[in-house]
Amino acid sequence: MEFIEIGKSAIQAVSSIYKSCVEQHAKQGFYQWDENYPSLKTVMTDIQNNQLFGLKVEGEIVAVVAITNDETK
């Protein structure tokens, strides 16, 4: 298991994880995330700001987290 900073090469993996999260949230009646958020723009901004990280297990990214201070601004 390895905690890594996410780079542009992992955009497809991140998008897949986010899509899965949106589907699971919808099944549970949680609609804060949808087909519009988080967007590719959000992912790219997090990457450019060096604030997107992932958990890699056996070479595969299995979880993603954005560590920001956006809510405090």
Protein backbone atom coordinates (compact mmCIF):
# COMPACT_ATOMS: atom_id res chain seq x y z
CA MET A 1 0.00 0.00 0.00
CA GLU A 2 1.32 3.42 -0.95
CA PHE A 3 0.00 6.98 -0.53
CA ILE A 4 0.88 8.99 -3.64
CA GLU A 5 0.41 12.43 -5.14
CA ILE A 6 -1.86 12.10 -8.18
CA GLY A 7 -0.48 13.30 -11.52
CA LYS A 8 -2.06 13.83 -14.93
CA SER A 9 -1.30 10.24 -15.93
CA ALA A 10 -3.86 9.03 -13.37
CA ILE A 11 -6.83 11.09 -14.60
CA GLN A 12 -8.61 8.03 -16.02
CA ALA A 13 -8.28 6.13 -12.73
CA VAL A 14 -9.50 9.14 -10.73
CA SER A 15 -12.47 9.63 -13.08
CA SER A 16 -13.41 5.98 -12.72
CA ILE A 17 -13.27 6.17 -8.92
CA TYR A 18 -15.36 9.36 -8.87
CA LYS A 19 -17.95 7.82 -11.22
CA SER A 20 -18.23 4.80 -8.94
CA CYS A 21 -18.67 7.09 -5.93
CA VAL A 22 -21.44 9.06 -7.67
CA GLU A 23 -23.28 5.81 -8.44
CA GLN A 24 -22.94 4.53 -4.87
CA HIS A 25 -24.00 7.88 -3.40
CA ALA A 26 -27.12 7.95 -5.61
CA LYS A 27 -28.09 4.46 -4.43
CA GLN A 28 -27.92 5.77 -0.87
CA GLY A 29 -29.90 8.94 -1.61
CA PHE A 30 -26.87 11.21 -1.37
CA TYR A 31 -26.85 13.66 -4.29
CA GLN A 32 -24.11 16.16 -3.46
CA TRP A 33 -21.95 14.58 -6.18
CA ASP A 34 -23.45 14.04 -9.62
CA GLU A 35 -22.52 13.93 -13.31
CA ASN A 36 -21.37 17.57 -13.07
CA TYR A 37 -19.31 17.41 -9.88
CA PRO A 38 -16.59 16.51 -9.39
CA SER A 39 -15.71 17.47 -12.94
CA LEU A 40 -12.56 16.94 -14.99
CA LYS A 41 -11.84 20.64 -14.35
CA THR A 42 -11.99 19.99 -10.60
CA VAL A 43 -9.58 17.06 -10.94
CA MET A 44 -7.18 19.07 -13.09
CA THR A 45 -7.24 22.02 -10.68
CA ASP A 46 -6.49 19.70 -7.76
CA ILE A 47 -3.60 18.15 -9.69
CA GLN A 48 -2.20 21.54 -10.74
CA ASN A 49 -2.39 22.74 -7.14
CA ASN A 50 -0.62 19.58 -5.90
CA GLN A 51 -3.54 18.71 -3.65
CA LEU A 52 -4.84 15.43 -5.07
CA PHE A 53 -3.59 12.22 -3.50
CA GLY A 54 -4.38 8.57 -3.88
CA LEU A 55 -4.02 5.23 -2.20
CA LYS A 56 -2.31 2.70 -4.44
CA VAL A 57 -2.65 -1.02 -3.70
CA GLU A 58 -0.79 -3.57 -5.81
CA GLY A 59 -0.13 -0.91 -8.46
CA GLU A 60 -3.76 0.24 -8.72
CA ILE A 61 -5.22 3.49 -7.38
CA VAL A 62 -8.13 2.46 -5.18
CA ALA A 63 -8.97 5.71 -3.38
CA VAL A 64 -8.53 9.44 -3.93
CA VAL A 65 -8.63 12.45 -1.64
CA ALA A 66 -8.20 16.16 -2.29
CA ILE A 67 -6.47 17.83 0.62
CA THR A 68 -7.25 21.53 0.36
CA ASN A 69 -8.03 24.57 2.43
CA ASP A 70 -10.68 25.82 -0.01
CA GLU A 71 -13.44 25.87 2.61
CA THR A 72 -11.42 28.17 4.88
CA LYS A 73 -11.06 30.97 2.33
